Protein backbone atom coordinates (compact mmCIF):
# COMPACT_ATOMS: atom_id res chain seq x y z
CA UNK A 1 123.01 135.89 146.84
CA UNK A 2 123.53 137.75 143.54
CA UNK A 3 123.31 135.83 139.93
CA UNK A 4 126.01 136.94 137.73
CA UNK A 5 126.02 136.36 134.07
CA UNK A 6 129.34 134.63 132.83
CA UNK A 7 131.05 134.86 129.37
CA UNK A 8 134.78 133.42 128.27
CA UNK A 9 137.12 136.35 127.03
CA UNK A 10 140.63 135.46 125.56
CA UNK A 11 143.17 136.30 128.24
CA UNK A 12 145.72 139.64 127.41
CA UNK A 13 148.67 139.22 129.71
CA UNK A 14 152.51 139.50 128.80
CA UNK A 15 152.35 135.78 126.59
CA UNK A 16 151.26 137.54 123.84
CA UNK A 17 154.47 139.38 124.16
CA UNK A 18 155.05 141.54 120.95
CA UNK A 19 151.01 143.06 121.18
CA UNK A 20 151.35 143.20 125.33
CA UNK A 21 154.83 145.43 125.22
CA UNK A 22 153.20 147.63 122.43
CA UNK A 23 149.93 147.96 124.72
CA UNK A 24 151.62 149.10 128.00
CA UNK A 25 154.16 151.65 126.08
CA UNK A 26 150.91 152.93 123.91
CA UNK A 27 148.82 152.79 127.38
CA UNK A 28 151.24 153.63 129.90
CA UNK A 29 149.80 151.30 132.48
CA UNK A 30 153.24 149.86 133.72
CA UNK A 31 151.61 148.53 136.81
CA UNK A 32 150.15 145.93 135.11
CA UNK A 33 150.59 142.05 134.85
CA UNK A 34 147.13 141.03 133.03
CA UNK A 35 144.10 142.70 131.35
CA UNK A 36 141.27 141.23 133.16
CA UNK A 37 138.52 142.69 131.84
CA UNK A 38 135.50 143.14 129.24
CA UNK A 39 136.87 145.12 126.51
CA UNK A 40 136.12 144.31 122.95
CA UNK A 41 139.39 144.68 121.74
CA UNK A 42 141.62 143.70 124.20
CA UNK A 43 139.88 140.45 125.58
CA UNK A 44 137.38 139.10 122.70
CA UNK A 45 134.60 137.10 122.86
CA UNK A 46 135.66 133.62 122.95
CA UNK A 47 132.19 132.49 121.78
CA UNK A 48 131.97 135.07 118.91
CA UNK A 49 128.98 132.78 116.91
CA UNK A 50 126.34 131.40 119.16
CA UNK A 51 124.90 127.76 117.91
CA UNK A 52 121.50 126.95 118.25
CA UNK A 53 121.92 125.26 122.05
CA UNK A 54 123.43 128.37 122.95
CA UNK A 55 120.01 130.35 123.03
CA UNK A 56 118.91 128.36 126.08
CA UNK A 57 121.40 129.42 127.95
CA UNK A 58 122.68 132.82 127.25
CA UNK A 59 120.99 136.26 128.46
CA UNK A 60 119.07 137.65 126.03
CA UNK A 61 118.62 141.06 127.00
CA UNK A 62 120.57 144.64 126.28
CA UNK A 63 122.47 143.12 123.75
CA UNK A 64 124.50 140.54 125.88
CA UNK A 65 123.71 137.70 124.01
CA UNK A 66 127.71 136.87 124.40
CA UNK A 67 127.15 135.96 128.23
CA UNK A 68 125.57 132.75 129.82
CA UNK A 69 123.59 132.40 132.73
CA UNK A 70 124.28 128.59 132.99
CA UNK A 71 128.30 128.31 134.12
CA UNK A 72 128.26 124.77 133.49
CA UNK A 73 127.17 125.17 129.88
CA UNK A 74 129.49 127.90 129.20
CA UNK A 75 132.44 125.83 130.51
CA UNK A 76 131.75 122.84 128.14
CA UNK A 77 131.24 125.22 125.46
CA UNK A 78 134.79 126.53 125.90
CA UNK A 79 136.29 123.35 126.86
CA UNK A 80 138.67 123.32 124.06
CA UNK A 81 139.76 126.66 124.37
CA UNK A 82 143.29 127.77 125.48
CA UNK A 83 144.32 131.41 127.13
CA UNK A 84 141.01 132.49 128.07
CA UNK A 85 139.46 133.80 131.24
CA UNK A 86 136.29 133.02 132.48
CA UNK A 87 134.45 136.07 134.29
CA UNK A 88 131.43 136.59 136.17
CA UNK A 89 130.10 139.93 136.19
CA UNK A 90 127.40 141.72 137.43
CA UNK A 91 125.70 144.70 135.82
CA UNK A 92 125.54 148.02 137.41
CA UNK A 93 125.99 146.30 141.23
CA UNK A 94 124.23 148.38 143.67
CA UNK A 95 126.43 147.98 146.69
CA UNK A 96 129.97 146.60 147.07
CA UNK A 97 130.79 143.35 145.81
CA UNK A 98 134.50 142.66 146.93
CA UNK A 99 133.16 140.47 149.45
CA UNK A 100 130.35 138.46 148.18
CA UNK A 101 131.19 134.80 148.25
CA UNK A 102 128.63 133.47 145.32
CA UNK A 103 131.14 130.69 143.90
CA UNK A 104 133.64 129.21 145.72
CA UNK A 105 135.94 129.26 142.22
CA UNK A 106 135.81 132.70 141.43
CA UNK A 107 137.91 135.34 142.94
CA UNK A 108 136.69 139.04 142.80
CA UNK A 109 139.09 141.39 140.54
CA UNK A 110 137.50 144.53 140.51
CA UNK A 111 135.05 146.78 138.87
CA UNK A 112 135.42 148.06 135.12
CA UNK A 113 133.74 150.92 132.89
CA UNK A 114 132.55 149.68 129.99
CA UNK A 115 130.97 151.99 126.72
CA UNK A 116 127.18 150.90 126.78
CA UNK A 117 127.82 151.40 122.51
CA UNK A 118 131.00 149.56 121.72
CA UNK A 119 132.21 147.46 124.64
CA UNK A 120 135.19 149.16 125.18
CA UNK A 121 136.77 149.82 128.73
CA UNK A 122 137.17 153.63 129.57
CA UNK A 123 139.98 152.10 131.96
CA UNK A 124 142.55 150.23 129.93
CA UNK A 125 141.96 151.11 126.29
CA UNK A 126 141.21 154.90 126.10
CA UNK A 127 145.07 156.29 127.26
CA UNK A 128 143.29 157.11 130.16
CA UNK A 129 140.88 160.37 131.18
CA UNK A 130 142.70 162.49 134.03
CA UNK A 131 140.12 164.45 134.81
CA UNK A 132 138.37 161.27 136.08
CA UNK A 133 140.92 158.85 137.29
CA UNK A 134 144.53 158.67 137.35
CA UNK A 135 146.38 155.40 135.68
CA UNK A 136 148.03 154.51 139.05
CA UNK A 137 144.38 154.12 140.40
CA UNK A 138 143.69 150.61 138.48
CA UNK A 139 144.30 147.60 139.86
CA UNK A 140 146.90 145.01 138.48
CA UNK A 141 144.11 144.00 136.49
CA UNK A 142 143.10 147.37 135.28
CA UNK A 143 140.10 147.60 137.21
CA UNK A 144 138.80 149.50 140.39
CA UNK A 145 138.78 147.99 143.40
CA UNK A 146 136.29 150.05 145.20
CA UNK A 147 132.31 150.63 144.03
CA UNK A 148 132.40 154.05 145.21
CA UNK A 149 134.97 155.06 143.34
CA UNK A 150 133.83 153.53 140.07
CA UNK A 151 130.51 155.64 140.59
CA UNK A 152 132.66 158.74 140.71
CA UNK A 153 134.12 157.75 137.72
CA UNK A 154 131.58 157.07 136.19
CA UNK A 155 130.13 160.53 136.67
CA UNK A 156 133.28 162.24 136.40
CA UNK A 157 133.34 160.78 132.78
CA UNK A 158 130.13 161.80 131.77
CA UNK A 159 130.31 165.31 133.22
CA UNK A 160 134.06 166.03 132.06
CA UNK A 161 133.76 164.06 128.52
CA UNK A 162 130.84 163.90 127.46
CA UNK A 163 131.54 164.07 123.82
CA UNK A 164 134.81 161.81 123.99
CA UNK A 165 133.79 158.21 122.49
CA UNK A 166 133.84 155.87 125.39
CA UNK A 167 132.84 157.99 128.42
CA UNK A 168 129.15 156.74 128.64
CA UNK A 169 129.88 153.78 130.69
CA UNK A 170 128.49 151.19 132.89
CA UNK A 171 129.77 149.77 135.74
CA UNK A 172 130.51 145.96 135.96
CA UNK A 173 131.82 143.83 138.66
CA UNK A 174 134.34 141.18 137.82
CA UNK A 175 135.15 138.18 139.07
CA UNK A 176 137.55 135.57 137.53
CA UNK A 177 137.55 131.84 137.77
CA UNK A 178 141.21 130.74 139.71
């Protein structure tokens, strides 16, 4: 059984009308129905200031203090927040996660490639890297469906775009609470 980390991020979808229209025009990702991901700019963290009790429940490694190990604690922490996504995430998964049922309330959405320094998504916030992937490969949530393909993209980004910002990425498996 996997032990994911949990994070609450602001939803980014057509509900944010003008911002969404500008984003779709800029990105060219016309297939998107919602960005379900970890990009710091598109889907900012809901818990942006840590309170003393947070330190009993959050992740304290690899600069990931905005992730939580305790789902119930995070749910209580964001109880009054509207328009957010509660995500479960595994970092650099070793095997395919599509069929991993760790919690009945979460649905697997895909794999995200996140810049290790800035938290920017190479998939949804860089206008594409055509030598690594085609925009059409992204799901309606802006993610990659298979781990093997996510790894190929990760390697191609490092090979063809080594000098580009946001090309040095970790892979994250992402589930969304229904």
